[in-house]
Amino acid sequence: MFYQRPDSAGPKESFYVISPTSSPDTLRQALSLAYGESGHVRKHRTLFLVGRTRVHLDKVERLGNFLELEVILAEGEPIEAGVSVAHELMEKLSVSPYQLVEEAYVDLLAQMPDKAIRRMPS
């Protein structure tokens, strides 16, 4: 899956391409060898549909729990329509703007300090 969106708070337009494969491990290895690997995210996602909005409940290893709203727009529909739907649902779910996260999970993980193993002197 290729995924692109700006790092900014609030509703934003996303672009993605999904390419089904019967061999995900081989594809991951080939792409990593060709382009490198920028990070690795381990998550468990639960998906709900609310009207035309995909509500993602994500449990991300080392980061915690997140909620993501993805409003599906009709062909040619203005982005503002999706932003309006997202704001409505945020209000119903009591999600305030200060709770929004700008970065992708992989970027948040990259900002975390590595957990080094420290040994006490004997």
C-alpha atoms as a PDB file:
ATOM      1  CA  MET A   1       0.000   0.000   0.000  1.00  0.00           C
ATOM      2  CA  PHE A   2       1.277   3.451  -0.916  1.00  0.00           C
ATOM      3  CA  TYR A   3      -0.102   6.181   1.335  1.00  0.00           C
ATOM      4  CA  GLN A   4       0.407   9.934   1.178  1.00  0.00           C
ATOM      5  CA  ARG A   5      -1.078  12.789   3.178  1.00  0.00           C
ATOM      6  CA  PRO A   6       0.204  16.031   4.656  1.00  0.00           C
ATOM      7  CA  ASP A   7       1.406  16.166   8.260  1.00  0.00           C
ATOM      8  CA  SER A   8      -1.069  18.688   9.638  1.00  0.00           C
ATOM      9  CA  ALA A   9      -3.662  18.739  12.381  1.00  0.00           C
ATOM     10  CA  GLY A  10      -7.303  18.339  11.461  1.00  0.00           C
ATOM     11  CA  PRO A  11      -9.049  16.774   8.497  1.00  0.00           C
ATOM     12  CA  LYS A  12      -6.882  16.386   5.410  1.00  0.00           C
ATOM     13  CA  GLU A  13      -7.012  14.756   2.008  1.00  0.00           C
ATOM     14  CA  SER A  14      -5.285  11.382   1.667  1.00  0.00           C
ATOM     15  CA  PHE A  15      -4.094   9.576  -1.432  1.00  0.00           C
ATOM     16  CA  TYR A  16      -3.443   5.857  -1.439  1.00  0.00           C
ATOM     17  CA  VAL A  17      -3.001   2.932  -3.798  1.00  0.00           C
ATOM     18  CA  ILE A  18      -3.621  -0.649  -2.720  1.00  0.00           C
ATOM     19  CA  SER A  19      -2.054  -3.506  -4.634  1.00  0.00           C
ATOM     20  CA  PRO A  20      -3.318  -6.932  -3.549  1.00  0.00           C
ATOM     21  CA  THR A  21      -0.692  -9.663  -3.368  1.00  0.00           C
ATOM     22  CA  SER A  22      -0.703 -13.347  -2.571  1.00  0.00           C
ATOM     23  CA  SER A  23       2.872 -13.078  -1.254  1.00  0.00           C
ATOM     24  CA  PRO A  24       3.100 -10.088   1.128  1.00  0.00           C
ATOM     25  CA  ASP A  25       6.372 -11.161   2.754  1.00  0.00           C
ATOM     26  CA  THR A  26       8.145 -11.475  -0.597  1.00  0.00           C
ATOM     27  CA  LEU A  27       6.724  -8.162  -1.797  1.00  0.00           C
ATOM     28  CA  ARG A  28       7.822  -6.430   1.431  1.00  0.00           C
ATOM     29  CA  GLN A  29      11.335  -7.879   1.034  1.00  0.00           C
ATOM     30  CA  ALA A  30      11.594  -6.827  -2.634  1.00  0.00           C
ATOM     31  CA  LEU A  31      10.404  -3.276  -1.931  1.00  0.00           C
ATOM     32  CA  SER A  32      12.707  -2.952   1.088  1.00  0.00           C
ATOM     33  CA  LEU A  33      15.688  -4.051  -0.974  1.00  0.00           C
ATOM     34  CA  ALA A  34      14.774  -1.686  -3.804  1.00  0.00           C
ATOM     35  CA  TYR A  35      13.848   1.416  -1.792  1.00  0.00           C
ATOM     36  CA  GLY A  36      14.969   0.854   1.788  1.00  0.00           C
ATOM     37  CA  GLU A  37      12.805   0.726   4.870  1.00  0.00           C
ATOM     38  CA  SER A  38      11.855   3.878   6.775  1.00  0.00           C
ATOM     39  CA  GLY A  39      10.287   2.117   9.737  1.00  0.00           C
ATOM     40  CA  HIS A  40       8.038  -0.642  10.952  1.00  0.00           C
ATOM     41  CA  VAL A  41       4.617  -0.189  12.560  1.00  0.00           C
ATOM     42  CA  ARG A  42       2.856  -3.001  14.373  1.00  0.00           C
ATOM     43  CA  LYS A  43      -0.815  -2.292  15.007  1.00  0.00           C
ATOM     44  CA  HIS A  44      -4.167  -3.927  15.476  1.00  0.00           C
ATOM     45  CA  ARG A  45      -7.032  -2.125  13.741  1.00  0.00           C
ATOM     46  CA  THR A  46     -10.748  -2.476  14.420  1.00  0.00           C
ATOM     47  CA  LEU A  47     -12.924  -0.932  11.728  1.00  0.00           C
ATOM     48  CA  PHE A  48     -16.453   0.457  12.050  1.00  0.00           C
ATOM     49  CA  LEU A  49     -18.556   2.147   9.376  1.00  0.00           C
ATOM     50  CA  VAL A  50     -20.604   5.191  10.391  1.00  0.00           C
ATOM     51  CA  GLY A  51     -22.458   6.347   7.298  1.00  0.00           C
ATOM     52  CA  ARG A  52     -19.720   6.961   4.749  1.00  0.00           C
ATOM     53  CA  THR A  53     -17.022   7.330   7.381  1.00  0.00           C
ATOM     54  CA  ARG A  54     -14.566   4.576   8.209  1.00  0.00           C
ATOM     55  CA  VAL A  55     -13.813   4.737  11.933  1.00  0.00           C
ATOM     56  CA  HIS A  56     -10.470   3.101  12.710  1.00  0.00           C
ATOM     57  CA  LEU A  57      -9.646   2.108  16.280  1.00  0.00           C
ATOM     58  CA  ASP A  58      -5.917   1.406  16.288  1.00  0.00           C
ATOM     59  CA  LYS A  59      -3.808  -0.156  19.013  1.00  0.00           C
ATOM     60  CA  VAL A  60      -0.236   0.678  18.010  1.00  0.00           C
ATOM     61  CA  GLU A  61       2.650  -1.163  19.633  1.00  0.00           C
ATOM     62  CA  ARG A  62       4.821   1.228  21.726  1.00  0.00           C
ATOM     63  CA  LEU A  63       2.458   4.181  21.077  1.00  0.00           C
ATOM     64  CA  GLY A  64      -0.957   3.303  22.488  1.00  0.00           C
ATOM     65  CA  ASN A  65      -4.513   3.696  21.222  1.00  0.00           C
ATOM     66  CA  PHE A  66      -5.705   5.985  18.434  1.00  0.00           C
ATOM     67  CA  LEU A  67      -8.918   6.888  16.628  1.00  0.00           C
ATOM     68  CA  GLU A  68      -8.868   7.791  12.939  1.00  0.00           C
ATOM     69  CA  LEU A  69     -11.804   9.000  10.862  1.00  0.00           C
ATOM     70  CA  GLU A  70     -11.725   8.469   7.107  1.00  0.00           C
ATOM     71  CA  VAL A  71     -14.592  10.100   5.221  1.00  0.00           C
ATOM     72  CA  ILE A  72     -15.048   8.604   1.747  1.00  0.00           C
ATOM     73  CA  LEU A  73     -15.815  11.279  -0.835  1.00  0.00           C
ATOM     74  CA  ALA A  74     -17.811  10.722  -4.010  1.00  0.00           C
ATOM     75  CA  GLU A  75     -16.073  11.338  -7.331  1.00  0.00           C
ATOM     76  CA  GLY A  76     -15.761  15.113  -7.791  1.00  0.00           C
ATOM     77  CA  GLU A  77     -17.104  15.899  -4.323  1.00  0.00           C
ATOM     78  CA  PRO A  78     -15.313  18.848  -2.703  1.00  0.00           C
ATOM     79  CA  ILE A  79     -12.942  18.181   0.205  1.00  0.00           C
ATOM     80  CA  GLU A  80     -14.942  20.647   2.312  1.00  0.00           C
ATOM     81  CA  ALA A  81     -17.870  18.213   2.350  1.00  0.00           C
ATOM     82  CA  GLY A  82     -15.689  15.535   3.939  1.00  0.00           C
ATOM     83  CA  VAL A  83     -14.224  18.013   6.419  1.00  0.00           C
ATOM     84  CA  SER A  84     -17.757  18.936   7.502  1.00  0.00           C
ATOM     85  CA  VAL A  85     -18.678  15.276   8.038  1.00  0.00           C
ATOM     86  CA  ALA A  86     -15.458  14.678  10.000  1.00  0.00           C
ATOM     87  CA  HIS A  87     -16.040  17.705  12.245  1.00  0.00           C
ATOM     88  CA  GLU A  88     -19.614  16.571  12.943  1.00  0.00           C
ATOM     89  CA  LEU A  89     -18.473  13.114  13.964  1.00  0.00           C
ATOM     90  CA  MET A  90     -15.585  14.512  16.042  1.00  0.00           C
ATOM     91  CA  GLU A  91     -18.097  16.607  17.964  1.00  0.00           C
ATOM     92  CA  LYS A  92     -20.397  13.607  18.557  1.00  0.00           C
ATOM     93  CA  LEU A  93     -17.390  11.572  19.794  1.00  0.00           C
ATOM     94  CA  SER A  94     -16.145  14.454  21.994  1.00  0.00           C
ATOM     95  CA  VAL A  95     -12.831  14.638  20.151  1.00  0.00           C
ATOM     96  CA  SER A  96     -11.367  18.110  20.537  1.00  0.00           C
ATOM     97  CA  PRO A  97      -8.853  19.696  18.142  1.00  0.00           C
ATOM     98  CA  TYR A  98      -6.064  19.645  20.754  1.00  0.00           C
ATOM     99  CA  GLN A  99      -6.209  15.819  20.736  1.00  0.00           C
ATOM    100  CA  LEU A 100      -5.374  15.573  17.037  1.00  0.00           C
ATOM    101  CA  VAL A 101      -2.043  14.097  15.966  1.00  0.00           C
ATOM    102  CA  GLU A 102      -0.279  15.459  12.891  1.00  0.00           C
ATOM    103  CA  GLU A 103       2.301  12.747  12.214  1.00  0.00           C
ATOM    104  CA  ALA A 104       1.995   9.211  10.898  1.00  0.00           C
ATOM    105  CA  TYR A 105       2.615   6.335  13.312  1.00  0.00           C
ATOM    106  CA  VAL A 106       5.977   5.581  11.701  1.00  0.00           C
ATOM    107  CA  ASP A 107       7.068   9.192  12.289  1.00  0.00           C
ATOM    108  CA  LEU A 108       5.935   9.105  15.924  1.00  0.00           C
ATOM    109  CA  LEU A 109       7.898   5.898  16.463  1.00  0.00           C
ATOM    110  CA  ALA A 110      10.997   7.448  14.878  1.00  0.00           C
ATOM    111  CA  GLN A 111      10.829  10.275  17.450  1.00  0.00           C
ATOM    112  CA  MET A 112      10.876   7.849  20.384  1.00  0.00           C
ATOM    113  CA  PRO A 113      14.201   7.229  22.066  1.00  0.00           C
ATOM    114  CA  ASP A 114      15.507   3.693  21.699  1.00  0.00           C
ATOM    115  CA  LYS A 115      15.150   1.648  24.833  1.00  0.00           C
ATOM    116  CA  ALA A 116      18.705   0.674  25.606  1.00  0.00           C
ATOM    117  CA  ILE A 117      19.374  -2.158  28.012  1.00  0.00           C
ATOM    118  CA  ARG A 118      21.271  -0.774  30.970  1.00  0.00           C
ATOM    119  CA  ARG A 119      23.170  -3.022  33.290  1.00  0.00           C
ATOM    120  CA  MET A 120      23.902  -2.077  36.817  1.00  0.00           C
ATOM    121  CA  PRO A 121      27.573  -2.245  37.752  1.00  0.00           C
ATOM    122  CA  SER A 122      28.385  -5.287  39.862  1.00  0.00           C
END
